[in-house]
Amino acid sequence: METVREFKVITNNYSAEFGRNAGALISISTRSGTNELHGSVYEFLRNDNLDVGDF
C-alpha cells in the first residue's frame, strides 16, 4: 500500500488511448524510490498455544 501513488478506476467515457474495451479500466501508478529498503512489514501468527480454550 505504501508504494501506490495513484489509483484510478475509469468506468466509461475514457479516451481513445485506452482502446475500445468494454467494462472498467484500472490504472495504478507506483512511487519511484531508491535502492534502499524502507516500508512496513506485516506478520500473521497462528499458534495453537495462544488460542482460547474450549468452554
PDB file of N, CA and C in Angstrom:
ATOM      1  N   MET A   1       0.808  -1.178   0.000  1.00  0.00           N
ATOM      2  CA  MET A   1       0.000   0.000   0.000  1.00  0.00           C
ATOM      3  C   MET A   1       0.863   1.258   0.000  1.00  0.00           C
ATOM      4  N   GLU A   2       2.042   1.161   0.525  1.00  0.00           N
ATOM      5  CA  GLU A   2       2.893   2.345   0.596  1.00  0.00           C
ATOM      6  C   GLU A   2       3.539   2.685  -0.737  1.00  0.00           C
ATOM      7  N   THR A   3       3.537   1.738  -1.665  1.00  0.00           N
ATOM      8  CA  THR A   3       4.173   2.004  -2.954  1.00  0.00           C
ATOM      9  C   THR A   3       3.217   2.590  -3.976  1.00  0.00           C
ATOM     10  N   VAL A   4       1.921   2.589  -3.690  1.00  0.00           N
ATOM     11  CA  VAL A   4       0.946   3.117  -4.642  1.00  0.00           C
ATOM     12  C   VAL A   4       0.858   4.626  -4.495  1.00  0.00           C
ATOM     13  N   ARG A   5       1.102   5.327  -5.583  1.00  0.00           N
ATOM     14  CA  ARG A   5       0.997   6.780  -5.577  1.00  0.00           C
ATOM     15  C   ARG A   5      -0.397   7.213  -6.002  1.00  0.00           C
ATOM     16  N   GLU A   6      -0.924   6.578  -7.041  1.00  0.00           N
ATOM     17  CA  GLU A   6      -2.213   6.988  -7.587  1.00  0.00           C
ATOM     18  C   GLU A   6      -2.986   5.755  -8.038  1.00  0.00           C
ATOM     19  N   PHE A   7      -4.277   5.739  -7.777  1.00  0.00           N
ATOM     20  CA  PHE A   7      -5.144   4.628  -8.144  1.00  0.00           C
ATOM     21  C   PHE A   7      -6.378   5.226  -8.814  1.00  0.00           C
ATOM     22  N   LYS A   8      -6.637   4.811 -10.067  1.00  0.00           N
ATOM     23  CA  LYS A   8      -7.731   5.385 -10.826  1.00  0.00           C
ATOM     24  C   LYS A   8      -8.583   4.283 -11.438  1.00  0.00           C
ATOM     25  N   VAL A   9      -9.905   4.380 -11.304  1.00  0.00           N
ATOM     26  CA  VAL A   9     -10.838   3.459 -11.943  1.00  0.00           C
ATOM     27  C   VAL A   9     -11.696   4.273 -12.893  1.00  0.00           C
ATOM     28  N   ILE A  10     -11.654   3.928 -14.183  1.00  0.00           N
ATOM     29  CA  ILE A  10     -12.433   4.623 -15.202  1.00  0.00           C
ATOM     30  C   ILE A  10     -13.476   3.641 -15.716  1.00  0.00           C
ATOM     31  N   THR A  11     -14.751   3.992 -15.576  1.00  0.00           N
ATOM     32  CA  THR A  11     -15.809   3.061 -15.956  1.00  0.00           C
ATOM     33  C   THR A  11     -16.424   3.357 -17.314  1.00  0.00           C
ATOM     34  N   ASN A  12     -16.450   4.594 -17.742  1.00  0.00           N
ATOM     35  CA  ASN A  12     -16.996   4.919 -19.060  1.00  0.00           C
ATOM     36  C   ASN A  12     -16.419   6.233 -19.565  1.00  0.00           C
ATOM     37  N   ASN A  13     -16.643   6.490 -20.825  1.00  0.00           N
ATOM     38  CA  ASN A  13     -16.192   7.722 -21.493  1.00  0.00           C
ATOM     39  C   ASN A  13     -14.684   7.942 -21.376  1.00  0.00           C
ATOM     40  N   TYR A  14     -13.891   6.872 -21.507  1.00  0.00           N
ATOM     41  CA  TYR A  14     -12.454   7.079 -21.494  1.00  0.00           C
ATOM     42  C   TYR A  14     -11.955   7.326 -22.909  1.00  0.00           C
ATOM     43  N   SER A  15     -10.792   7.947 -23.006  1.00  0.00           N
ATOM     44  CA  SER A  15     -10.282   8.409 -24.292  1.00  0.00           C
ATOM     45  C   SER A  15      -9.793   7.254 -25.162  1.00  0.00           C
ATOM     46  N   ALA A  16      -9.463   7.572 -26.409  1.00  0.00           N
ATOM     47  CA  ALA A  16      -9.072   6.563 -27.390  1.00  0.00           C
ATOM     48  C   ALA A  16      -7.732   5.906 -27.063  1.00  0.00           C
ATOM     49  N   GLU A  17      -6.925   6.504 -26.208  1.00  0.00           N
ATOM     50  CA  GLU A  17      -5.629   5.921 -25.872  1.00  0.00           C
ATOM     51  C   GLU A  17      -5.761   4.590 -25.139  1.00  0.00           C
ATOM     52  N   PHE A  18      -6.921   4.328 -24.547  1.00  0.00           N
ATOM     53  CA  PHE A  18      -7.137   3.093 -23.810  1.00  0.00           C
ATOM     54  C   PHE A  18      -7.814   2.017 -24.638  1.00  0.00           C
ATOM     55  N   GLY A  19      -8.150   2.286 -25.876  1.00  0.00           N
ATOM     56  CA  GLY A  19      -8.739   1.281 -26.752  1.00  0.00           C
ATOM     57  C   GLY A  19     -10.249   1.243 -26.666  1.00  0.00           C
ATOM     58  N   ARG A  20     -10.823   0.168 -27.218  1.00  0.00           N
ATOM     59  CA  ARG A  20     -12.281   0.044 -27.278  1.00  0.00           C
ATOM     60  C   ARG A  20     -12.743  -1.151 -26.461  1.00  0.00           C
ATOM     61  N   ASN A  21     -12.298  -1.273 -25.245  1.00  0.00           N
ATOM     62  CA  ASN A  21     -12.664  -2.385 -24.375  1.00  0.00           C
ATOM     63  C   ASN A  21     -13.929  -2.067 -23.597  1.00  0.00           C
ATOM     64  N   ALA A  22     -14.732  -3.077 -23.356  1.00  0.00           N
ATOM     65  CA  ALA A  22     -15.924  -2.905 -22.532  1.00  0.00           C
ATOM     66  C   ALA A  22     -15.567  -3.112 -21.064  1.00  0.00           C
ATOM     67  N   GLY A  23     -16.304  -2.482 -20.181  1.00  0.00           N
ATOM     68  CA  GLY A  23     -16.069  -2.649 -18.749  1.00  0.00           C
ATOM     69  C   GLY A  23     -15.318  -1.477 -18.165  1.00  0.00           C
ATOM     70  N   ALA A  24     -14.510  -1.758 -17.159  1.00  0.00           N
ATOM     71  CA  ALA A  24     -13.783  -0.706 -16.454  1.00  0.00           C
ATOM     72  C   ALA A  24     -12.294  -0.804 -16.736  1.00  0.00           C
ATOM     73  N   LEU A  25     -11.616   0.291 -16.540  1.00  0.00           N
ATOM     74  CA  LEU A  25     -10.167   0.368 -16.709  1.00  0.00           C
ATOM     75  C   LEU A  25      -9.567   0.761 -15.366  1.00  0.00           C
ATOM     76  N   ILE A  26      -8.575   0.006 -14.907  1.00  0.00           N
ATOM     77  CA  ILE A  26      -7.913   0.284 -13.632  1.00  0.00           C
ATOM     78  C   ILE A  26      -6.485   0.704 -13.916  1.00  0.00           C
ATOM     79  N   SER A  27      -6.106   1.866 -13.429  1.00  0.00           N
ATOM     80  CA  SER A  27      -4.775   2.411 -13.643  1.00  0.00           C
ATOM     81  C   SER A  27      -4.113   2.644 -12.288  1.00  0.00           C
ATOM     82  N   ILE A  28      -2.918   2.075 -12.110  1.00  0.00           N
ATOM     83  CA  ILE A  28      -2.186   2.214 -10.848  1.00  0.00           C
ATOM     84  C   ILE A  28      -0.797   2.766 -11.141  1.00  0.00           C
ATOM     85  N   SER A  29      -0.407   3.834 -10.452  1.00  0.00           N
ATOM     86  CA  SER A  29       0.935   4.397 -10.553  1.00  0.00           C
ATOM     87  C   SER A  29       1.682   4.112  -9.263  1.00  0.00           C
ATOM     88  N   THR A  30       2.936   3.688  -9.385  1.00  0.00           N
ATOM     89  CA  THR A  30       3.744   3.415  -8.196  1.00  0.00           C
ATOM     90  C   THR A  30       4.733   4.546  -7.970  1.00  0.00           C
ATOM     91  N   ARG A  31       5.203   4.650  -6.763  1.00  0.00           N
ATOM     92  CA  ARG A  31       6.183   5.671  -6.408  1.00  0.00           C
ATOM     93  C   ARG A  31       7.572   5.236  -6.840  1.00  0.00           C
ATOM     94  N   SER A  32       8.360   6.189  -7.233  1.00  0.00           N
ATOM     95  CA  SER A  32       9.764   5.909  -7.527  1.00  0.00           C
ATOM     96  C   SER A  32      10.535   5.892  -6.222  1.00  0.00           C
ATOM     97  N   GLY A  33      11.568   5.111  -6.186  1.00  0.00           N
ATOM     98  CA  GLY A  33      12.324   5.015  -4.945  1.00  0.00           C
ATOM     99  C   GLY A  33      13.806   4.887  -5.212  1.00  0.00           C
ATOM    100  N   THR A  34      14.518   4.470  -4.199  1.00  0.00           N
ATOM    101  CA  THR A  34      15.954   4.269  -4.299  1.00  0.00           C
ATOM    102  C   THR A  34      16.242   2.796  -4.103  1.00  0.00           C
ATOM    103  N   ASN A  35      17.487   2.447  -4.018  1.00  0.00           N
ATOM    104  CA  ASN A  35      17.888   1.067  -3.798  1.00  0.00           C
ATOM    105  C   ASN A  35      17.870   0.680  -2.325  1.00  0.00           C
ATOM    106  N   GLU A  36      17.441   1.583  -1.457  1.00  0.00           N
ATOM    107  CA  GLU A  36      17.370   1.300  -0.029  1.00  0.00           C
ATOM    108  C   GLU A  36      16.022   0.668   0.309  1.00  0.00           C
ATOM    109  N   LEU A  37      16.030  -0.250   1.269  1.00  0.00           N
ATOM    110  CA  LEU A  37      14.793  -0.864   1.721  1.00  0.00           C
ATOM    111  C   LEU A  37      14.112   0.036   2.734  1.00  0.00           C
ATOM    112  N   HIS A  38      12.820   0.245   2.559  1.00  0.00           N
ATOM    113  CA  HIS A  38      12.037   1.013   3.517  1.00  0.00           C
ATOM    114  C   HIS A  38      10.578   0.592   3.389  1.00  0.00           C
ATOM    115  N   GLY A  39       9.800   0.829   4.424  1.00  0.00           N
ATOM    116  CA  GLY A  39       8.392   0.458   4.396  1.00  0.00           C
ATOM    117  C   GLY A  39       8.003  -0.286   5.650  1.00  0.00           C
ATOM    118  N   SER A  40       6.897  -1.007   5.557  1.00  0.00           N
ATOM    119  CA  SER A  40       6.358  -1.739   6.699  1.00  0.00           C
ATOM    120  C   SER A  40       6.357  -3.231   6.415  1.00  0.00           C
ATOM    121  N   VAL A  41       6.353  -3.996   7.489  1.00  0.00           N
ATOM    122  CA  VAL A  41       6.296  -5.450   7.388  1.00  0.00           C
ATOM    123  C   VAL A  41       5.106  -5.916   8.216  1.00  0.00           C
ATOM    124  N   TYR A  42       4.319  -6.816   7.663  1.00  0.00           N
ATOM    125  CA  TYR A  42       3.173  -7.369   8.366  1.00  0.00           C
ATOM    126  C   TYR A  42       3.375  -8.861   8.548  1.00  0.00           C
ATOM    127  N   GLU A  43       2.973  -9.366   9.719  1.00  0.00           N
ATOM    128  CA  GLU A  43       3.121 -10.786  10.005  1.00  0.00           C
ATOM    129  C   GLU A  43       1.820 -11.300  10.606  1.00  0.00           C
ATOM    130  N   PHE A  44       1.409 -12.464  10.181  1.00  0.00           N
ATOM    131  CA  PHE A  44       0.220 -13.110  10.721  1.00  0.00           C
ATOM    132  C   PHE A  44       0.663 -14.386  11.403  1.00  0.00           C
ATOM    133  N   LEU A  45       0.502 -14.446  12.733  1.00  0.00           N
ATOM    134  CA  LEU A  45       0.943 -15.596  13.523  1.00  0.00           C
ATOM    135  C   LEU A  45      -0.271 -16.390  13.951  1.00  0.00           C
ATOM    136  N   ARG A  46      -0.298 -17.664  13.597  1.00  0.00           N
ATOM    137  CA  ARG A  46      -1.375 -18.567  14.023  1.00  0.00           C
ATOM    138  C   ARG A  46      -0.724 -19.658  14.856  1.00  0.00           C
ATOM    139  N   ASN A  47      -0.922 -19.610  16.184  1.00  0.00           N
ATOM    140  CA  ASN A  47      -0.277 -20.533  17.097  1.00  0.00           C
ATOM    141  C   ASN A  47      -1.342 -21.169  17.989  1.00  0.00           C
ATOM    142  N   ASP A  48      -1.366 -22.496  18.092  1.00  0.00           N
ATOM    143  CA  ASP A  48      -2.356 -23.198  18.912  1.00  0.00           C
ATOM    144  C   ASP A  48      -2.203 -22.875  20.401  1.00  0.00           C
ATOM    145  N   ASN A  49      -1.028 -22.547  20.849  1.00  0.00           N
ATOM    146  CA  ASN A  49      -0.813 -22.230  22.266  1.00  0.00           C
ATOM    147  C   ASN A  49      -1.458 -20.904  22.663  1.00  0.00           C
ATOM    148  N   LEU A  50      -1.721 -20.033  21.712  1.00  0.00           N
ATOM    149  CA  LEU A  50      -2.306 -18.729  22.008  1.00  0.00           C
ATOM    150  C   LEU A  50      -3.816 -18.712  21.813  1.00  0.00           C
ATOM    151  N   ASP A  51      -4.424 -19.811  21.378  1.00  0.00           N
ATOM    152  CA  ASP A  51      -5.870 -19.879  21.155  1.00  0.00           C
ATOM    153  C   ASP A  51      -6.625 -19.949  22.480  1.00  0.00           C
ATOM    154  N   VAL A  52      -7.886 -19.543  22.455  1.00  0.00           N
ATOM    155  CA  VAL A  52      -8.752 -19.613  23.632  1.00  0.00           C
ATOM    156  C   VAL A  52      -9.191 -21.065  23.832  1.00  0.00           C
ATOM    157  N   GLY A  53      -9.234 -21.486  25.081  1.00  0.00           N
ATOM    158  CA  GLY A  53      -9.659 -22.844  25.399  1.00  0.00           C
ATOM    159  C   GLY A  53     -11.152 -23.052  25.202  1.00  0.00           C
ATOM    160  N   ASP A  54     -11.577 -24.293  25.139  1.00  0.00           N
ATOM    161  CA  ASP A  54     -12.996 -24.617  24.993  1.00  0.00           C
ATOM    162  C   ASP A  54     -13.755 -24.353  26.302  1.00  0.00           C
ATOM    163  N   PHE A  55     -15.066 -24.185  26.193  1.00  0.00           N
ATOM    164  CA  PHE A  55     -15.913 -23.976  27.368  1.00  0.00           C
ATOM    165  C   PHE A  55     -16.037 -25.250  28.152  1.00  0.00           C
TER     166      PHE A  55
END
